[in-house]
Amino acid sequence: MSSPLKIFESLDPELLKLVNRGADFALSDGVLQRKYKLLIAMAIDATLGAAEGVRSLAMGAMQAGATREEILEALRVAYYICGTSAVYTAARALEQVFQQQGRS
């Protein structure tokens, strides 16, 4: 899956650099491991209705070592805080993520 920001490589490469630096700053290992930061971001995207973001962040979290169970627990927190809309968004996103991993 290509980045939705790819278009900015030609339109505004400086903006893209800023966005990427922000992502590196926010999501790099620190006191919190990268996988936990990605799980937090995924839960936020679920509450905002950003299915593509949930999909991308869940895949990134798994690449960083998160398990399916950790993803689902993070979504339980999102549900508790923000309600069922987070669960519906996550369901649309994770169906493809887990199918791609051969675990549907």
PDB file of N, CA and C in Angstrom:
ATOM      1  N   MET A   1       0.855  -1.169   0.000  1.00  0.00           N
ATOM      2  CA  MET A   1       0.000   0.000   0.000  1.00  0.00           C
ATOM      3  C   MET A   1       0.900   1.231   0.000  1.00  0.00           C
ATOM      4  N   SER A   2       0.653   2.124  -0.930  1.00  0.00           N
ATOM      5  CA  SER A   2       1.486   3.319  -0.996  1.00  0.00           C
ATOM      6  C   SER A   2       0.992   4.357   0.007  1.00  0.00           C
ATOM      7  N   SER A   3       1.876   5.238   0.365  1.00  0.00           N
ATOM      8  CA  SER A   3       1.548   6.287   1.328  1.00  0.00           C
ATOM      9  C   SER A   3       0.550   7.264   0.724  1.00  0.00           C
ATOM     10  N   PRO A   4      -0.474   7.661   1.489  1.00  0.00           N
ATOM     11  CA  PRO A   4      -1.409   8.656   0.973  1.00  0.00           C
ATOM     12  C   PRO A   4      -0.747  10.024   0.798  1.00  0.00           C
ATOM     13  N   LEU A   5       0.432  10.203   1.350  1.00  0.00           N
ATOM     14  CA  LEU A   5       1.136  11.480   1.244  1.00  0.00           C
ATOM     15  C   LEU A   5       2.121  11.515   0.086  1.00  0.00           C
ATOM     16  N   LYS A   6       2.204  10.437  -0.673  1.00  0.00           N
ATOM     17  CA  LYS A   6       3.157  10.344  -1.780  1.00  0.00           C
ATOM     18  C   LYS A   6       3.047  11.519  -2.744  1.00  0.00           C
ATOM     19  N   ILE A   7       1.842  12.009  -2.954  1.00  0.00           N
ATOM     20  CA  ILE A   7       1.635  13.116  -3.892  1.00  0.00           C
ATOM     21  C   ILE A   7       2.456  14.345  -3.522  1.00  0.00           C
ATOM     22  N   PHE A   8       2.753  14.497  -2.225  1.00  0.00           N
ATOM     23  CA  PHE A   8       3.515  15.666  -1.785  1.00  0.00           C
ATOM     24  C   PHE A   8       4.993  15.585  -2.141  1.00  0.00           C
ATOM     25  N   GLU A   9       5.466  14.412  -2.602  1.00  0.00           N
ATOM     26  CA  GLU A   9       6.849  14.318  -3.074  1.00  0.00           C
ATOM     27  C   GLU A   9       7.092  15.320  -4.191  1.00  0.00           C
ATOM     28  N   SER A  10       6.091  15.512  -5.045  1.00  0.00           N
ATOM     29  CA  SER A  10       6.247  16.471  -6.138  1.00  0.00           C
ATOM     30  C   SER A  10       5.563  17.811  -5.840  1.00  0.00           C
ATOM     31  N   LEU A  11       4.460  17.791  -5.110  1.00  0.00           N
ATOM     32  CA  LEU A  11       3.733  19.035  -4.848  1.00  0.00           C
ATOM     33  C   LEU A  11       4.413  19.932  -3.825  1.00  0.00           C
ATOM     34  N   ASP A  12       4.871  19.340  -2.724  1.00  0.00           N
ATOM     35  CA  ASP A  12       5.470  20.125  -1.642  1.00  0.00           C
ATOM     36  C   ASP A  12       6.398  19.241  -0.817  1.00  0.00           C
ATOM     37  N   PRO A  13       7.596  18.969  -1.345  1.00  0.00           N
ATOM     38  CA  PRO A  13       8.513  18.066  -0.648  1.00  0.00           C
ATOM     39  C   PRO A  13       8.930  18.571   0.732  1.00  0.00           C
ATOM     40  N   GLU A  14       8.957  19.872   0.923  1.00  0.00           N
ATOM     41  CA  GLU A  14       9.327  20.406   2.245  1.00  0.00           C
ATOM     42  C   GLU A  14       8.261  20.065   3.282  1.00  0.00           C
ATOM     43  N   LEU A  15       6.992  20.169   2.902  1.00  0.00           N
ATOM     44  CA  LEU A  15       5.906  19.791   3.810  1.00  0.00           C
ATOM     45  C   LEU A  15       6.009  18.314   4.154  1.00  0.00           C
ATOM     46  N   LEU A  16       6.282  17.495   3.156  1.00  0.00           N
ATOM     47  CA  LEU A  16       6.419  16.058   3.389  1.00  0.00           C
ATOM     48  C   LEU A  16       7.556  15.770   4.363  1.00  0.00           C
ATOM     49  N   LYS A  17       8.676  16.472   4.214  1.00  0.00           N
ATOM     50  CA  LYS A  17       9.790  16.299   5.146  1.00  0.00           C
ATOM     51  C   LYS A  17       9.370  16.636   6.572  1.00  0.00           C
ATOM     52  N   LEU A  18       8.622  17.721   6.742  1.00  0.00           N
ATOM     53  CA  LEU A  18       8.151  18.121   8.069  1.00  0.00           C
ATOM     54  C   LEU A  18       7.227  17.068   8.680  1.00  0.00           C
ATOM     55  N   VAL A  19       6.305  16.572   7.871  1.00  0.00           N
ATOM     56  CA  VAL A  19       5.385  15.540   8.349  1.00  0.00           C
ATOM     57  C   VAL A  19       6.161  14.288   8.757  1.00  0.00           C
ATOM     58  N   ASN A  20       7.104  13.873   7.929  1.00  0.00           N
ATOM     59  CA  ASN A  20       7.893  12.676   8.231  1.00  0.00           C
ATOM     60  C   ASN A  20       8.750  12.857   9.469  1.00  0.00           C
ATOM     61  N   ARG A  21       9.332  14.051   9.635  1.00  0.00           N
ATOM     62  CA  ARG A  21      10.109  14.311  10.853  1.00  0.00           C
ATOM     63  C   ARG A  21       9.213  14.257  12.084  1.00  0.00           C
ATOM     64  N   GLY A  22       8.007  14.794  11.959  1.00  0.00           N
ATOM     65  CA  GLY A  22       7.053  14.739  13.069  1.00  0.00           C
ATOM     66  C   GLY A  22       6.704  13.303  13.431  1.00  0.00           C
ATOM     67  N   ALA A  23       6.476  12.479  12.423  1.00  0.00           N
ATOM     68  CA  ALA A  23       6.166  11.070  12.657  1.00  0.00           C
ATOM     69  C   ALA A  23       7.352  10.362  13.311  1.00  0.00           C
ATOM     70  N   ASP A  24       8.549  10.614  12.815  1.00  0.00           N
ATOM     71  CA  ASP A  24       9.743  10.006  13.416  1.00  0.00           C
ATOM     72  C   ASP A  24       9.893  10.427  14.868  1.00  0.00           C
ATOM     73  N   PHE A  25       9.680  11.719  15.133  1.00  0.00           N
ATOM     74  CA  PHE A  25       9.795  12.251  16.492  1.00  0.00           C
ATOM     75  C   PHE A  25       8.774  11.605  17.422  1.00  0.00           C
ATOM     76  N   ALA A  26       7.533  11.499  16.966  1.00  0.00           N
ATOM     77  CA  ALA A  26       6.460  10.994  17.811  1.00  0.00           C
ATOM     78  C   ALA A  26       6.487   9.474  17.980  1.00  0.00           C
ATOM     79  N   LEU A  27       6.919   8.747  16.966  1.00  0.00           N
ATOM     80  CA  LEU A  27       6.754   7.294  16.973  1.00  0.00           C
ATOM     81  C   LEU A  27       8.038   6.500  17.193  1.00  0.00           C
ATOM     82  N   SER A  28       9.161   7.168  17.320  1.00  0.00           N
ATOM     83  CA  SER A  28      10.416   6.442  17.562  1.00  0.00           C
ATOM     84  C   SER A  28      10.457   5.903  18.985  1.00  0.00           C
ATOM     85  N   ASP A  29      11.241   4.833  19.167  1.00  0.00           N
ATOM     86  CA  ASP A  29      11.436   4.287  20.512  1.00  0.00           C
ATOM     87  C   ASP A  29      11.924   5.376  21.445  1.00  0.00           C
ATOM     88  N   GLY A  30      11.391   5.394  22.608  1.00  0.00           N
ATOM     89  CA  GLY A  30      11.798   6.298  23.672  1.00  0.00           C
ATOM     90  C   GLY A  30      11.485   5.598  24.981  1.00  0.00           C
ATOM     91  N   VAL A  31      10.928   6.313  25.921  1.00  0.00           N
ATOM     92  CA  VAL A  31      10.476   5.673  27.151  1.00  0.00           C
ATOM     93  C   VAL A  31       9.408   4.632  26.812  1.00  0.00           C
ATOM     94  N   LEU A  32       8.534   4.991  25.873  1.00  0.00           N
ATOM     95  CA  LEU A  32       7.574   4.018  25.340  1.00  0.00           C
ATOM     96  C   LEU A  32       8.169   3.395  24.084  1.00  0.00           C
ATOM     97  N   GLN A  33       8.024   2.093  23.972  1.00  0.00           N
ATOM     98  CA  GLN A  33       8.475   1.418  22.759  1.00  0.00           C
ATOM     99  C   GLN A  33       7.601   1.827  21.574  1.00  0.00           C
ATOM    100  N   ARG A  34       8.186   1.762  20.392  1.00  0.00           N
ATOM    101  CA  ARG A  34       7.487   2.140  19.159  1.00  0.00           C
ATOM    102  C   ARG A  34       6.152   1.414  19.017  1.00  0.00           C
ATOM    103  N   LYS A  35       6.109   0.121  19.329  1.00  0.00           N
ATOM    104  CA  LYS A  35       4.864  -0.621  19.142  1.00  0.00           C
ATOM    105  C   LYS A  35       3.738  -0.040  19.983  1.00  0.00           C
ATOM    106  N   TYR A  36       4.046   0.419  21.196  1.00  0.00           N
ATOM    107  CA  TYR A  36       3.001   1.004  22.039  1.00  0.00           C
ATOM    108  C   TYR A  36       2.540   2.348  21.494  1.00  0.00           C
ATOM    109  N   LYS A  37       3.469   3.111  20.958  1.00  0.00           N
ATOM    110  CA  LYS A  37       3.099   4.390  20.358  1.00  0.00           C
ATOM    111  C   LYS A  37       2.195   4.164  19.148  1.00  0.00           C
ATOM    112  N   LEU A  38       2.504   3.149  18.346  1.00  0.00           N
ATOM    113  CA  LEU A  38       1.670   2.824  17.195  1.00  0.00           C
ATOM    114  C   LEU A  38       0.287   2.337  17.630  1.00  0.00           C
ATOM    115  N   LEU A  39       0.222   1.578  18.724  1.00  0.00           N
ATOM    116  CA  LEU A  39      -1.070   1.129  19.238  1.00  0.00           C
ATOM    117  C   LEU A  39      -1.915   2.312  19.719  1.00  0.00           C
ATOM    118  N   ILE A  40      -1.277   3.275  20.361  1.00  0.00           N
ATOM    119  CA  ILE A  40      -1.991   4.481  20.793  1.00  0.00           C
ATOM    120  C   ILE A  40      -2.524   5.230  19.575  1.00  0.00           C
ATOM    121  N   ALA A  41      -1.667   5.416  18.585  1.00  0.00           N
ATOM    122  CA  ALA A  41      -2.083   6.122  17.370  1.00  0.00           C
ATOM    123  C   ALA A  41      -3.212   5.385  16.667  1.00  0.00           C
ATOM    124  N   MET A  42      -3.138   4.065  16.635  1.00  0.00           N
ATOM    125  CA  MET A  42      -4.183   3.257  16.014  1.00  0.00           C
ATOM    126  C   MET A  42      -5.510   3.446  16.734  1.00  0.00           C
ATOM    127  N   ALA A  43      -5.481   3.435  18.052  1.00  0.00           N
ATOM    128  CA  ALA A  43      -6.704   3.626  18.835  1.00  0.00           C
ATOM    129  C   ALA A  43      -7.299   5.011  18.576  1.00  0.00           C
ATOM    130  N   ILE A  44      -6.450   6.005  18.463  1.00  0.00           N
ATOM    131  CA  ILE A  44      -6.933   7.362  18.163  1.00  0.00           C
ATOM    132  C   ILE A  44      -7.570   7.395  16.785  1.00  0.00           C
ATOM    133  N   ASP A  45      -6.921   6.798  15.781  1.00  0.00           N
ATOM    134  CA  ASP A  45      -7.497   6.775  14.440  1.00  0.00           C
ATOM    135  C   ASP A  45      -8.836   6.039  14.431  1.00  0.00           C
ATOM    136  N   ALA A  46      -8.950   4.968  15.221  1.00  0.00           N
ATOM    137  CA  ALA A  46     -10.226   4.250  15.293  1.00  0.00           C
ATOM    138  C   ALA A  46     -11.328   5.162  15.813  1.00  0.00           C
ATOM    139  N   THR A  47     -11.018   5.969  16.807  1.00  0.00           N
ATOM    140  CA  THR A  47     -12.032   6.870  17.359  1.00  0.00           C
ATOM    141  C   THR A  47     -12.373   7.997  16.397  1.00  0.00           C
ATOM    142  N   LEU A  48     -11.459   8.331  15.505  1.00  0.00           N
ATOM    143  CA  LEU A  48     -11.693   9.397  14.536  1.00  0.00           C
ATOM    144  C   LEU A  48     -12.341   8.898  13.245  1.00  0.00           C
ATOM    145  N   GLY A  49     -12.520   7.582  13.132  1.00  0.00           N
ATOM    146  CA  GLY A  49     -13.141   7.031  11.934  1.00  0.00           C
ATOM    147  C   GLY A  49     -12.196   6.857  10.768  1.00  0.00           C
ATOM    148  N   ALA A  50     -10.906   6.809  11.029  1.00  0.00           N
ATOM    149  CA  ALA A  50      -9.890   6.712   9.970  1.00  0.00           C
ATOM    150  C   ALA A  50      -9.474   5.254   9.770  1.00  0.00           C
ATOM    151  N   ALA A  51     -10.289   4.517   9.012  1.00  0.00           N
ATOM    152  CA  ALA A  51     -10.033   3.086   8.808  1.00  0.00           C
ATOM    153  C   ALA A  51      -8.680   2.832   8.157  1.00  0.00           C
ATOM    154  N   GLU A  52      -8.301   3.636   7.166  1.00  0.00           N
ATOM    155  CA  GLU A  52      -6.999   3.453   6.517  1.00  0.00           C
ATOM    156  C   GLU A  52      -5.867   3.662   7.519  1.00  0.00           C
ATOM    157  N   GLY A  53      -6.025   4.638   8.397  1.00  0.00           N
ATOM    158  CA  GLY A  53      -5.026   4.873   9.433  1.00  0.00           C
ATOM    159  C   GLY A  53      -4.931   3.696  10.389  1.00  0.00           C
ATOM    160  N   VAL A  54      -6.084   3.149  10.792  1.00  0.00           N
ATOM    161  CA  VAL A  54      -6.085   1.977  11.676  1.00  0.00           C
ATOM    162  C   VAL A  54      -5.348   0.834  11.004  1.00  0.00           C
ATOM    163  N   ARG A  55      -5.659   0.605   9.744  1.00  0.00           N
ATOM    164  CA  ARG A  55      -5.025  -0.500   9.003  1.00  0.00           C
ATOM    165  C   ARG A  55      -3.509  -0.316   8.959  1.00  0.00           C
ATOM    166  N   SER A  56      -3.083   0.856   8.563  1.00  0.00           N
ATOM    167  CA  SER A  56      -1.655   1.133   8.430  1.00  0.00           C
ATOM    168  C   SER A  56      -0.939   1.052   9.779  1.00  0.00           C
ATOM    169  N   LEU A  57      -1.532   1.637  10.791  1.00  0.00           N
ATOM    170  CA  LEU A  57      -0.897   1.640  12.120  1.00  0.00           C
ATOM    171  C   LEU A  57      -0.888   0.252  12.752  1.00  0.00           C
ATOM    172  N   ALA A  58      -1.940  -0.527  12.535  1.00  0.00           N
ATOM    173  CA  ALA A  58      -1.962  -1.903  13.049  1.00  0.00           C
ATOM    174  C   ALA A  58      -0.860  -2.728  12.388  1.00  0.00           C
ATOM    175  N   MET A  59      -0.706  -2.565  11.083  1.00  0.00           N
ATOM    176  CA  MET A  59       0.358  -3.292  10.381  1.00  0.00           C
ATOM    177  C   MET A  59       1.730  -2.846  10.890  1.00  0.00           C
ATOM    178  N   GLY A  60       1.905  -1.543  11.088  1.00  0.00           N
ATOM    179  CA  GLY A  60       3.167  -1.042  11.636  1.00  0.00           C
ATOM    180  C   GLY A  60       3.424  -1.559  13.029  1.00  0.00           C
ATOM    181  N   ALA A  61       2.386  -1.599  13.851  1.00  0.00           N
ATOM    182  CA  ALA A  61       2.535  -2.113  15.217  1.00  0.00           C
ATOM    183  C   ALA A  61       2.937  -3.583  15.195  1.00  0.00           C
ATOM    184  N   MET A  62       2.331  -4.359  14.291  1.00  0.00           N
ATOM    185  CA  MET A  62       2.695  -5.769  14.190  1.00  0.00           C
ATOM    186  C   MET A  62       4.143  -5.927  13.732  1.00  0.00           C
ATOM    187  N   GLN A  63       4.568  -5.087  12.794  1.00  0.00           N
ATOM    188  CA  GLN A  63       5.965  -5.132  12.349  1.00  0.00           C
ATOM    189  C   GLN A  63       6.905  -4.751  13.488  1.00  0.00           C
ATOM    190  N   ALA A  64       6.410  -3.925  14.420  1.00  0.00           N
ATOM    191  CA  ALA A  64       7.221  -3.517  15.566  1.00  0.00           C
ATOM    192  C   ALA A  64       7.111  -4.509  16.723  1.00  0.00           C
ATOM    193  N   GLY A  65       6.367  -5.597  16.518  1.00  0.00           N
ATOM    194  CA  GLY A  65       6.308  -6.652  17.522  1.00  0.00           C
ATOM    195  C   GLY A  65       4.999  -6.785  18.271  1.00  0.00           C
ATOM    196  N   ALA A  66       3.999  -5.979  17.945  1.00  0.00           N
ATOM    197  CA  ALA A  66       2.708  -6.092  18.623  1.00  0.00           C
ATOM    198  C   ALA A  66       1.990  -7.360  18.164  1.00  0.00           C
ATOM    199  N   THR A  67       1.250  -7.936  19.066  1.00  0.00           N
ATOM    200  CA  THR A  67       0.471  -9.124  18.749  1.00  0.00           C
ATOM    201  C   THR A  67      -0.962  -8.730  18.410  1.00  0.00           C
ATOM    202  N   ARG A  68      -1.676  -9.664  17.841  1.00  0.00           N
ATOM    203  CA  ARG A  68      -3.097  -9.453  17.561  1.00  0.00           C
ATOM    204  C   ARG A  68      -3.824  -9.108  18.865  1.00  0.00           C
ATOM    205  N   GLU A  69      -3.478  -9.802  19.934  1.00  0.00           N
ATOM    206  CA  GLU A  69      -4.128  -9.572  21.220  1.00  0.00           C
ATOM    207  C   GLU A  69      -3.871  -8.159  21.735  1.00  0.00           C
ATOM    208  N   GLU A  70      -2.657  -7.645  21.544  1.00  0.00           N
ATOM    209  CA  GLU A  70      -2.352  -6.273  21.967  1.00  0.00           C
ATOM    210  C   GLU A  70      -3.162  -5.259  21.147  1.00  0.00           C
ATOM    211  N   ILE A  71      -3.301  -5.519  19.861  1.00  0.00           N
ATOM    212  CA  ILE A  71      -4.102  -4.637  19.017  1.00  0.00           C
ATOM    213  C   ILE A  71      -5.542  -4.607  19.518  1.00  0.00           C
ATOM    214  N   LEU A  72      -6.084  -5.781  19.789  1.00  0.00           N
ATOM    215  CA  LEU A  72      -7.470  -5.853  20.230  1.00  0.00           C
ATOM    216  C   LEU A  72      -7.664  -5.209  21.601  1.00  0.00           C
ATOM    217  N   GLU A  73      -6.707  -5.356  22.504  1.00  0.00           N
ATOM    218  CA  GLU A  73      -6.825  -4.701  23.816  1.00  0.00           C
ATOM    219  C   GLU A  73      -6.761  -3.190  23.693  1.00  0.00           C
ATOM    220  N   ALA A  74      -5.916  -2.683  22.803  1.00  0.00           N
ATOM    221  CA  ALA A  74      -5.857  -1.236  22.587  1.00  0.00           C
ATOM    222  C   ALA A  74      -7.201  -0.729  22.080  1.00  0.00           C
ATOM    223  N   LEU A  75      -7.862  -1.521  21.245  1.00  0.00           N
ATOM    224  CA  LEU A  75      -9.169  -1.125  20.732  1.00  0.00           C
ATOM    225  C   LEU A  75     -10.247  -1.195  21.810  1.00  0.00           C
ATOM    226  N   ARG A  76     -10.072  -2.065  22.788  1.00  0.00           N
ATOM    227  CA  ARG A  76     -11.003  -2.083  23.923  1.00  0.00           C
ATOM    228  C   ARG A  76     -10.928  -0.771  24.694  1.00  0.00           C
ATOM    229  N   VAL A  77      -9.717  -0.257  24.848  1.00  0.00           N
ATOM    230  CA  VAL A  77      -9.553   1.027  25.535  1.00  0.00           C
ATOM    231  C   VAL A  77     -10.229   2.138  24.731  1.00  0.00           C
ATOM    232  N   ALA A  78     -10.012   2.128  23.412  1.00  0.00           N
ATOM    233  CA  ALA A  78     -10.652   3.131  22.554  1.00  0.00           C
ATOM    234  C   ALA A  78     -12.173   3.037  22.671  1.00  0.00           C
ATOM    235  N   TYR A  79     -12.690   1.828  22.688  1.00  0.00           N
ATOM    236  CA  TYR A  79     -14.136   1.640  22.834  1.00  0.00           C
ATOM    237  C   TYR A  79     -14.616   2.202  24.167  1.00  0.00           C
ATOM    238  N   TYR A  80     -13.911   1.881  25.231  1.00  0.00           N
ATOM    239  CA  TYR A  80     -14.315   2.347  26.552  1.00  0.00           C
ATOM    240  C   TYR A  80     -14.345   3.877  26.607  1.00  0.00           C
ATOM    241  N   ILE A  81     -13.350   4.512  26.022  1.00  0.00           N
ATOM    242  CA  ILE A  81     -13.254   5.972  26.074  1.00  0.00           C
ATOM    243  C   ILE A  81     -14.202   6.634  25.077  1.00  0.00           C
ATOM    244  N   CYS A  82     -14.316   6.080  23.878  1.00  0.00           N
ATOM    245  CA  CYS A  82     -15.023   6.788  22.795  1.00  0.00           C
ATOM    246  C   CYS A  82     -16.253   6.086  22.249  1.00  0.00           C
ATOM    247  N   GLY A  83     -16.517   4.876  22.658  1.00  0.00           N
ATOM    248  CA  GLY A  83     -17.738   4.215  22.222  1.00  0.00           C
ATOM    249  C   GLY A  83     -17.586   3.314  21.012  1.00  0.00           C
ATOM    250  N   THR A  84     -18.707   2.863  20.556  1.00  0.00           N
ATOM    251  CA  THR A  84     -18.726   1.825  19.529  1.00  0.00           C
ATOM    252  C   THR A  84     -18.240   2.276  18.161  1.00  0.00           C
ATOM    253  N   SER A  85     -18.231   3.557  17.879  1.00  0.00           N
ATOM    254  CA  SER A  85     -17.762   3.982  16.557  1.00  0.00           C
ATOM    255  C   SER A  85     -16.315   3.544  16.332  1.00  0.00           C
ATOM    256  N   ALA A  86     -15.507   3.521  17.393  1.00  0.00           N
ATOM    257  CA  ALA A  86     -14.120   3.067  17.263  1.00  0.00           C
ATOM    258  C   ALA A  86     -14.061   1.594  16.872  1.00  0.00           C
ATOM    259  N   VAL A  87     -14.951   0.787  17.408  1.00  0.00           N
ATOM    260  CA  VAL A  87     -14.959  -0.639  17.110  1.00  0.00           C
ATOM    261  C   VAL A  87     -15.381  -0.886  15.661  1.00  0.00           C
ATOM    262  N   TYR A  88     -16.373  -0.157  15.171  1.00  0.00           N
ATOM    263  CA  TYR A  88     -16.809  -0.311  13.784  1.00  0.00           C
ATOM    264  C   TYR A  88     -15.698   0.094  12.806  1.00  0.00           C
ATOM    265  N   THR A  89     -15.026   1.197  13.090  1.00  0.00           N
ATOM    266  CA  THR A  89     -13.920   1.640  12.234  1.00  0.00           C
ATOM    267  C   THR A  89     -12.819   0.592  12.226  1.00  0.00           C
ATOM    268  N   ALA A  90     -12.460   0.103  13.399  1.00  0.00           N
ATOM    269  CA  ALA A  90     -11.399  -0.893  13.493  1.00  0.00           C
ATOM    270  C   ALA A  90     -11.771  -2.181  12.772  1.00  0.00           C
ATOM    271  N   ALA A  91     -13.047  -2.590  12.848  1.00  0.00           N
ATOM    272  CA  ALA A  91     -13.479  -3.817  12.176  1.00  0.00           C
ATOM    273  C   ALA A  91     -13.251  -3.719  10.675  1.00  0.00           C
ATOM    274  N   ARG A  92     -13.587  -2.584  10.086  1.00  0.00           N
ATOM    275  CA  ARG A  92     -13.375  -2.401   8.646  1.00  0.00           C
ATOM    276  C   ARG A  92     -11.892  -2.471   8.306  1.00  0.00           C
ATOM    277  N   ALA A  93     -11.065  -1.908   9.168  1.00  0.00           N
ATOM    278  CA  ALA A  93      -9.633  -1.844   8.882  1.00  0.00           C
ATOM    279  C   ALA A  93      -8.933  -3.176   9.126  1.00  0.00           C
ATOM    280  N   LEU A  94      -9.254  -3.836  10.210  1.00  0.00           N
ATOM    281  CA  LEU A  94      -8.494  -5.019  10.614  1.00  0.00           C
ATOM    282  C   LEU A  94      -8.855  -6.259   9.826  1.00  0.00           C
ATOM    283  N   GLU A  95     -10.018  -6.279   9.219  1.00  0.00           N
ATOM    284  CA  GLU A  95     -10.391  -7.439   8.419  1.00  0.00           C
ATOM    285  C   GLU A  95      -9.315  -7.742   7.386  1.00  0.00           C
ATOM    286  N   GLN A  96      -8.844  -6.731   6.674  1.00  0.00           N
ATOM    287  CA  GLN A  96      -7.809  -6.938   5.665  1.00  0.00           C
ATOM    288  C   GLN A  96      -6.445  -7.187   6.293  1.00  0.00           C
ATOM    289  N   VAL A  97      -6.141  -6.509   7.409  1.00  0.00           N
ATOM    290  CA  VAL A  97      -4.840  -6.691   8.057  1.00  0.00           C
ATOM    291  C   VAL A  97      -4.659  -8.144   8.465  1.00  0.00           C
ATOM    292  N   PHE A  98      -5.657  -8.697   9.146  1.00  0.00           N
ATOM    293  CA  PHE A  98      -5.515 -10.054   9.654  1.00  0.00           C
ATOM    294  C   PHE A  98      -5.626 -11.088   8.535  1.00  0.00           C
ATOM    295  N   GLN A  99      -6.364 -10.786   7.486  1.00  0.00           N
ATOM    296  CA  GLN A  99      -6.408 -11.698   6.342  1.00  0.00           C
ATOM    297  C   GLN A  99      -5.060 -11.746   5.647  1.00  0.00           C
ATOM    298  N   GLN A 100      -4.393 -10.590   5.547  1.00  0.00           N
ATOM    299  CA  GLN A 100      -3.078 -10.537   4.929  1.00  0.00           C
ATOM    300  C   GLN A 100      -2.058 -11.319   5.735  1.00  0.00           C
ATOM    301  N   GLN A 101      -2.286 -11.403   7.027  1.00  0.00           N
ATOM    302  CA  GLN A 101      -1.372 -12.133   7.895  1.00  0.00           C
ATOM    303  C   GLN A 101      -1.710 -13.628   7.928  1.00  0.00           C
ATOM    304  N   GLY A 102      -2.778 -14.017   7.205  1.00  0.00           N
ATOM    305  CA  GLY A 102      -3.152 -15.425   7.152  1.00  0.00           C
ATOM    306  C   GLY A 102      -3.829 -15.905   8.416  1.00  0.00           C
ATOM    307  N   ARG A 103      -4.459 -14.970   9.139  1.00  0.00           N
ATOM    308  CA  ARG A 103      -5.092 -15.352  10.410  1.00  0.00           C
ATOM    309  C   ARG A 103      -6.545 -14.896  10.457  1.00  0.00           C
ATOM    310  N   SER A 104      -7.289 -15.048   9.434  1.00  0.00           N
ATOM    311  CA  SER A 104      -8.678 -14.578   9.454  1.00  0.00           C
ATOM    312  C   SER A 104      -9.565 -15.482  10.260  1.00  0.00           C
TER     313      SER A 104
END
